[in-house]
Amino acid sequence: MKILIGSLFFVVGNVLAWFQFNSQFVWDWWKDRPILSNLIFAIPMGICFWYAVKYIVEDTGYLWTSKLIGFGVGNIIFAIFTYIFLKESIFAPKTMICLVLSVAIIGIQIFWKN
């Protein structure tokens, strides 16, 4: 159960990260406001990542599991939000293969017991 809670923290953290780094490309207002972007998004994002790692390592006993789940979740969130806000297609073969691999990585880490 903690692995799922940790994964949800990774989802929220990656959503915050997407807005922190990419709002400048979606809304002109954010183009020259890196300090404000960091003040708004960085602290809650960092806390989410911290708890994500904590819960996943507590559940599995492996730091690598948290790294790989975080990587997979980050790729999926990035693809979805970039498609929604910037209309960059996720349907290019290269991108689709990477997304399938991200889902596979997450699945392996969650369901493959040592």
N, C-alpha and C. Protein backbone atom coordinates (compact mmCIF):
# COMPACT_ATOMS: atom_id res chain seq x y z
N MET A 1 0.82 -1.20 0.00
CA MET A 1 0.00 0.00 0.00
C MET A 1 0.86 1.27 0.00
N LYS A 2 1.99 1.25 0.73
CA LYS A 2 2.85 2.42 0.78
C LYS A 2 3.46 2.73 -0.59
N ILE A 3 3.67 1.70 -1.40
CA ILE A 3 4.22 1.93 -2.73
C ILE A 3 3.25 2.73 -3.59
N LEU A 4 1.95 2.52 -3.40
CA LEU A 4 0.96 3.29 -4.15
C LEU A 4 0.88 4.72 -3.65
N ILE A 5 0.96 4.91 -2.33
CA ILE A 5 0.98 6.26 -1.77
C ILE A 5 2.21 7.01 -2.28
N GLY A 6 3.36 6.33 -2.25
CA GLY A 6 4.58 6.94 -2.76
C GLY A 6 4.46 7.30 -4.24
N SER A 7 3.83 6.43 -5.01
CA SER A 7 3.64 6.70 -6.43
C SER A 7 2.74 7.92 -6.64
N LEU A 8 1.72 8.06 -5.80
CA LEU A 8 0.84 9.23 -5.90
C LEU A 8 1.61 10.51 -5.55
N PHE A 9 2.51 10.43 -4.57
CA PHE A 9 3.35 11.58 -4.27
C PHE A 9 4.24 11.93 -5.47
N PHE A 10 4.73 10.90 -6.18
CA PHE A 10 5.50 11.16 -7.40
C PHE A 10 4.65 11.84 -8.46
N VAL A 11 3.39 11.44 -8.58
CA VAL A 11 2.50 12.07 -9.55
C VAL A 11 2.36 13.56 -9.23
N VAL A 12 2.02 13.87 -7.99
CA VAL A 12 1.82 15.27 -7.60
C VAL A 12 3.12 16.06 -7.76
N GLY A 13 4.23 15.48 -7.32
CA GLY A 13 5.53 16.16 -7.45
C GLY A 13 5.88 16.45 -8.90
N ASN A 14 5.60 15.50 -9.79
CA ASN A 14 5.92 15.70 -11.20
C ASN A 14 4.98 16.70 -11.87
N VAL A 15 3.74 16.76 -11.42
CA VAL A 15 2.83 17.79 -11.92
C VAL A 15 3.37 19.17 -11.53
N LEU A 16 3.76 19.32 -10.27
CA LEU A 16 4.33 20.59 -9.82
C LEU A 16 5.61 20.92 -10.58
N ALA A 17 6.45 19.92 -10.81
CA ALA A 17 7.69 20.14 -11.54
C ALA A 17 7.39 20.59 -12.97
N TRP A 18 6.39 19.98 -13.60
CA TRP A 18 6.05 20.36 -14.97
C TRP A 18 5.69 21.85 -15.02
N PHE A 19 4.84 22.28 -14.09
CA PHE A 19 4.44 23.69 -14.09
C PHE A 19 5.61 24.60 -13.73
N GLN A 20 6.46 24.18 -12.81
CA GLN A 20 7.59 25.02 -12.44
C GLN A 20 8.49 25.28 -13.64
N PHE A 21 8.81 24.26 -14.39
CA PHE A 21 9.77 24.40 -15.48
C PHE A 21 9.15 24.83 -16.80
N ASN A 22 7.89 24.53 -17.03
CA ASN A 22 7.33 24.70 -18.36
C ASN A 22 6.24 25.75 -18.48
N SER A 23 5.81 26.34 -17.38
CA SER A 23 4.81 27.42 -17.46
C SER A 23 5.30 28.55 -18.35
N GLN A 24 6.61 28.77 -18.39
CA GLN A 24 7.18 29.83 -19.22
C GLN A 24 6.88 29.63 -20.70
N PHE A 25 6.61 28.40 -21.13
CA PHE A 25 6.32 28.13 -22.53
C PHE A 25 4.83 28.14 -22.83
N VAL A 26 4.01 28.10 -21.78
CA VAL A 26 2.56 28.06 -21.95
C VAL A 26 1.96 29.45 -21.81
N TRP A 27 2.41 30.21 -20.82
CA TRP A 27 1.86 31.52 -20.53
C TRP A 27 2.97 32.56 -20.55
N ASP A 28 2.80 33.60 -21.32
CA ASP A 28 3.80 34.66 -21.42
C ASP A 28 4.13 35.28 -20.06
N TRP A 29 3.15 35.35 -19.19
CA TRP A 29 3.34 35.98 -17.89
C TRP A 29 4.50 35.33 -17.12
N TRP A 30 4.73 34.03 -17.30
CA TRP A 30 5.75 33.31 -16.54
C TRP A 30 7.16 33.41 -17.17
N LYS A 31 7.29 33.97 -18.34
CA LYS A 31 8.56 33.94 -19.06
C LYS A 31 9.75 34.49 -18.27
N ASP A 32 9.55 35.55 -17.55
CA ASP A 32 10.67 36.19 -16.84
C ASP A 32 10.48 36.15 -15.33
N ARG A 33 9.91 35.06 -14.83
CA ARG A 33 9.65 34.96 -13.39
C ARG A 33 10.19 33.65 -12.80
N PRO A 34 11.48 33.38 -12.99
CA PRO A 34 12.02 32.11 -12.47
C PRO A 34 12.04 32.05 -10.94
N ILE A 35 12.27 33.18 -10.29
CA ILE A 35 12.31 33.19 -8.82
C ILE A 35 10.92 32.88 -8.27
N LEU A 36 9.92 33.56 -8.79
CA LEU A 36 8.55 33.33 -8.34
C LEU A 36 8.13 31.89 -8.60
N SER A 37 8.48 31.38 -9.75
CA SER A 37 8.15 29.99 -10.08
C SER A 37 8.76 29.03 -9.07
N ASN A 38 10.00 29.27 -8.71
CA ASN A 38 10.66 28.42 -7.71
C ASN A 38 10.04 28.57 -6.33
N LEU A 39 9.70 29.81 -5.96
CA LEU A 39 9.09 30.03 -4.65
C LEU A 39 7.74 29.33 -4.52
N ILE A 40 6.97 29.31 -5.61
CA ILE A 40 5.63 28.72 -5.57
C ILE A 40 5.68 27.19 -5.65
N PHE A 41 6.49 26.67 -6.54
CA PHE A 41 6.43 25.24 -6.84
C PHE A 41 7.49 24.38 -6.17
N ALA A 42 8.67 24.91 -5.92
CA ALA A 42 9.80 24.08 -5.51
C ALA A 42 9.61 23.42 -4.14
N ILE A 43 9.12 24.15 -3.17
CA ILE A 43 9.00 23.57 -1.83
C ILE A 43 7.96 22.45 -1.79
N PRO A 44 6.74 22.67 -2.28
CA PRO A 44 5.79 21.55 -2.26
C PRO A 44 6.24 20.38 -3.15
N MET A 45 6.91 20.69 -4.26
CA MET A 45 7.42 19.64 -5.14
C MET A 45 8.47 18.80 -4.40
N GLY A 46 9.41 19.46 -3.75
CA GLY A 46 10.45 18.75 -3.02
C GLY A 46 9.88 17.89 -1.90
N ILE A 47 8.89 18.40 -1.20
CA ILE A 47 8.25 17.63 -0.13
C ILE A 47 7.56 16.40 -0.70
N CYS A 48 6.89 16.56 -1.84
CA CYS A 48 6.24 15.40 -2.48
C CYS A 48 7.26 14.34 -2.86
N PHE A 49 8.37 14.76 -3.46
CA PHE A 49 9.40 13.79 -3.85
C PHE A 49 10.00 13.11 -2.62
N TRP A 50 10.21 13.88 -1.56
CA TRP A 50 10.78 13.31 -0.34
C TRP A 50 9.88 12.22 0.21
N TYR A 51 8.56 12.50 0.30
CA TYR A 51 7.63 11.50 0.81
C TYR A 51 7.46 10.33 -0.17
N ALA A 52 7.54 10.60 -1.44
CA ALA A 52 7.45 9.51 -2.43
C ALA A 52 8.57 8.49 -2.18
N VAL A 53 9.78 9.00 -2.06
CA VAL A 53 10.92 8.10 -1.82
C VAL A 53 10.77 7.40 -0.48
N LYS A 54 10.39 8.12 0.56
CA LYS A 54 10.22 7.55 1.89
C LYS A 54 9.25 6.37 1.87
N TYR A 55 8.06 6.58 1.32
CA TYR A 55 7.04 5.52 1.34
C TYR A 55 7.44 4.32 0.49
N ILE A 56 8.03 4.57 -0.67
CA ILE A 56 8.40 3.45 -1.53
C ILE A 56 9.53 2.64 -0.92
N VAL A 57 10.53 3.31 -0.35
CA VAL A 57 11.63 2.57 0.29
C VAL A 57 11.14 1.82 1.52
N GLU A 58 10.24 2.43 2.31
CA GLU A 58 9.68 1.72 3.47
C GLU A 58 8.95 0.46 3.04
N ASP A 59 8.26 0.52 1.91
CA ASP A 59 7.48 -0.63 1.45
C ASP A 59 8.35 -1.71 0.83
N THR A 60 9.36 -1.30 0.06
CA THR A 60 10.13 -2.28 -0.71
C THR A 60 11.51 -2.58 -0.12
N GLY A 61 12.05 -1.62 0.63
CA GLY A 61 13.40 -1.79 1.15
C GLY A 61 14.49 -1.42 0.16
N TYR A 62 14.11 -0.91 -1.01
CA TYR A 62 15.08 -0.60 -2.06
C TYR A 62 14.95 0.83 -2.54
N LEU A 63 16.06 1.56 -2.52
CA LEU A 63 16.07 2.91 -3.06
C LEU A 63 15.91 2.90 -4.58
N TRP A 64 16.46 1.87 -5.22
CA TRP A 64 16.35 1.78 -6.68
C TRP A 64 14.90 1.74 -7.14
N THR A 65 14.04 1.09 -6.36
CA THR A 65 12.63 1.02 -6.74
C THR A 65 12.04 2.42 -6.81
N SER A 66 12.35 3.26 -5.84
CA SER A 66 11.81 4.63 -5.85
C SER A 66 12.36 5.41 -7.05
N LYS A 67 13.62 5.22 -7.37
CA LYS A 67 14.23 5.92 -8.50
C LYS A 67 13.53 5.54 -9.80
N LEU A 68 13.31 4.26 -10.00
CA LEU A 68 12.74 3.80 -11.26
C LEU A 68 11.25 4.13 -11.38
N ILE A 69 10.52 4.04 -10.28
CA ILE A 69 9.11 4.45 -10.32
C ILE A 69 9.02 5.95 -10.58
N GLY A 70 9.86 6.72 -9.91
CA GLY A 70 9.86 8.17 -10.14
C GLY A 70 10.19 8.52 -11.58
N PHE A 71 11.13 7.81 -12.18
CA PHE A 71 11.49 8.02 -13.57
C PHE A 71 10.31 7.73 -14.48
N GLY A 72 9.66 6.60 -14.27
CA GLY A 72 8.53 6.22 -15.11
C GLY A 72 7.36 7.18 -14.97
N VAL A 73 7.02 7.51 -13.73
CA VAL A 73 5.92 8.44 -13.48
C VAL A 73 6.24 9.81 -14.09
N GLY A 74 7.46 10.26 -13.94
CA GLY A 74 7.85 11.55 -14.50
C GLY A 74 7.69 11.60 -16.01
N ASN A 75 8.05 10.53 -16.69
CA ASN A 75 7.90 10.49 -18.15
C ASN A 75 6.43 10.52 -18.56
N ILE A 76 5.60 9.80 -17.84
CA ILE A 76 4.18 9.76 -18.17
C ILE A 76 3.52 11.12 -17.92
N ILE A 77 3.80 11.72 -16.78
CA ILE A 77 3.23 13.04 -16.47
C ILE A 77 3.71 14.06 -17.49
N PHE A 78 5.00 14.02 -17.80
CA PHE A 78 5.54 14.97 -18.79
C PHE A 78 4.82 14.82 -20.13
N ALA A 79 4.63 13.60 -20.58
CA ALA A 79 3.97 13.36 -21.86
C ALA A 79 2.54 13.89 -21.87
N ILE A 80 1.80 13.59 -20.83
CA ILE A 80 0.40 14.01 -20.76
C ILE A 80 0.29 15.54 -20.71
N PHE A 81 1.04 16.17 -19.83
CA PHE A 81 0.92 17.62 -19.67
C PHE A 81 1.47 18.37 -20.87
N THR A 82 2.52 17.86 -21.50
CA THR A 82 3.07 18.52 -22.68
C THR A 82 2.08 18.40 -23.84
N TYR A 83 1.38 17.30 -23.92
CA TYR A 83 0.35 17.14 -24.95
C TYR A 83 -0.82 18.08 -24.68
N ILE A 84 -1.29 18.14 -23.44
CA ILE A 84 -2.44 18.97 -23.09
C ILE A 84 -2.14 20.46 -23.28
N PHE A 85 -1.01 20.93 -22.77
CA PHE A 85 -0.75 22.36 -22.73
C PHE A 85 0.03 22.89 -23.93
N LEU A 86 0.88 22.08 -24.53
CA LEU A 86 1.70 22.56 -25.64
C LEU A 86 1.37 21.87 -26.96
N LYS A 87 0.43 20.93 -26.92
CA LYS A 87 -0.03 20.23 -28.13
C LYS A 87 1.09 19.48 -28.84
N GLU A 88 2.14 19.09 -28.09
CA GLU A 88 3.19 18.27 -28.66
C GLU A 88 2.72 16.82 -28.64
N SER A 89 2.71 16.21 -29.78
CA SER A 89 2.14 14.87 -29.90
C SER A 89 2.92 13.83 -29.11
N ILE A 90 2.18 12.98 -28.44
CA ILE A 90 2.79 11.83 -27.77
C ILE A 90 2.74 10.61 -28.68
N PHE A 91 2.20 10.79 -29.89
CA PHE A 91 1.95 9.65 -30.76
C PHE A 91 3.06 9.40 -31.78
N ALA A 92 4.18 10.07 -31.65
CA ALA A 92 5.35 9.75 -32.47
C ALA A 92 5.87 8.39 -32.01
N PRO A 93 6.31 7.55 -32.94
CA PRO A 93 6.75 6.20 -32.55
C PRO A 93 7.80 6.20 -31.44
N LYS A 94 8.78 7.08 -31.53
CA LYS A 94 9.83 7.13 -30.51
C LYS A 94 9.25 7.45 -29.13
N THR A 95 8.34 8.41 -29.07
CA THR A 95 7.73 8.80 -27.80
C THR A 95 6.85 7.68 -27.26
N MET A 96 6.07 7.06 -28.12
CA MET A 96 5.18 5.98 -27.69
C MET A 96 5.98 4.80 -27.12
N ILE A 97 7.07 4.45 -27.76
CA ILE A 97 7.91 3.35 -27.25
C ILE A 97 8.46 3.72 -25.88
N CYS A 98 8.92 4.95 -25.71
CA CYS A 98 9.44 5.38 -24.41
C CYS A 98 8.36 5.35 -23.34
N LEU A 99 7.14 5.75 -23.69
CA LEU A 99 6.04 5.71 -22.71
C LEU A 99 5.69 4.28 -22.34
N VAL A 100 5.68 3.38 -23.31
CA VAL A 100 5.42 1.96 -23.02
C VAL A 100 6.51 1.42 -22.10
N LEU A 101 7.75 1.78 -22.37
CA LEU A 101 8.84 1.34 -21.50
C LEU A 101 8.71 1.92 -20.09
N SER A 102 8.25 3.18 -19.99
CA SER A 102 8.03 3.78 -18.67
C SER A 102 6.98 3.01 -17.88
N VAL A 103 5.88 2.66 -18.54
CA VAL A 103 4.83 1.87 -17.89
C VAL A 103 5.39 0.51 -17.49
N ALA A 104 6.19 -0.09 -18.36
CA ALA A 104 6.78 -1.39 -18.04
C ALA A 104 7.71 -1.29 -16.82
N ILE A 105 8.50 -0.24 -16.76
CA ILE A 105 9.40 -0.04 -15.62
C ILE A 105 8.60 0.07 -14.32
N ILE A 106 7.53 0.86 -14.35
CA ILE A 106 6.70 1.01 -13.16
C ILE A 106 6.09 -0.33 -12.77
N GLY A 107 5.56 -1.05 -13.75
CA GLY A 107 4.95 -2.35 -13.48
C GLY A 107 5.93 -3.34 -12.89
N ILE A 108 7.14 -3.39 -13.45
CA ILE A 108 8.16 -4.30 -12.92
C ILE A 108 8.47 -3.96 -11.47
N GLN A 109 8.63 -2.68 -11.17
CA GLN A 109 8.99 -2.28 -9.81
C GLN A 109 7.87 -2.56 -8.80
N ILE A 110 6.62 -2.44 -9.24
CA ILE A 110 5.51 -2.65 -8.32
C ILE A 110 5.18 -4.14 -8.16
N PHE A 111 5.15 -4.87 -9.26
CA PHE A 111 4.61 -6.23 -9.22
C PHE A 111 5.65 -7.36 -9.15
N TRP A 112 6.90 -7.10 -9.51
CA TRP A 112 7.92 -8.14 -9.49
C TRP A 112 8.53 -8.19 -8.09
N LYS A 113 8.19 -9.19 -7.35
CA LYS A 113 8.70 -9.34 -5.98
C LYS A 113 10.02 -10.12 -6.02
N ASN A 114 10.97 -9.67 -5.22
CA ASN A 114 12.29 -10.32 -5.19
C ASN A 114 12.24 -11.70 -4.62
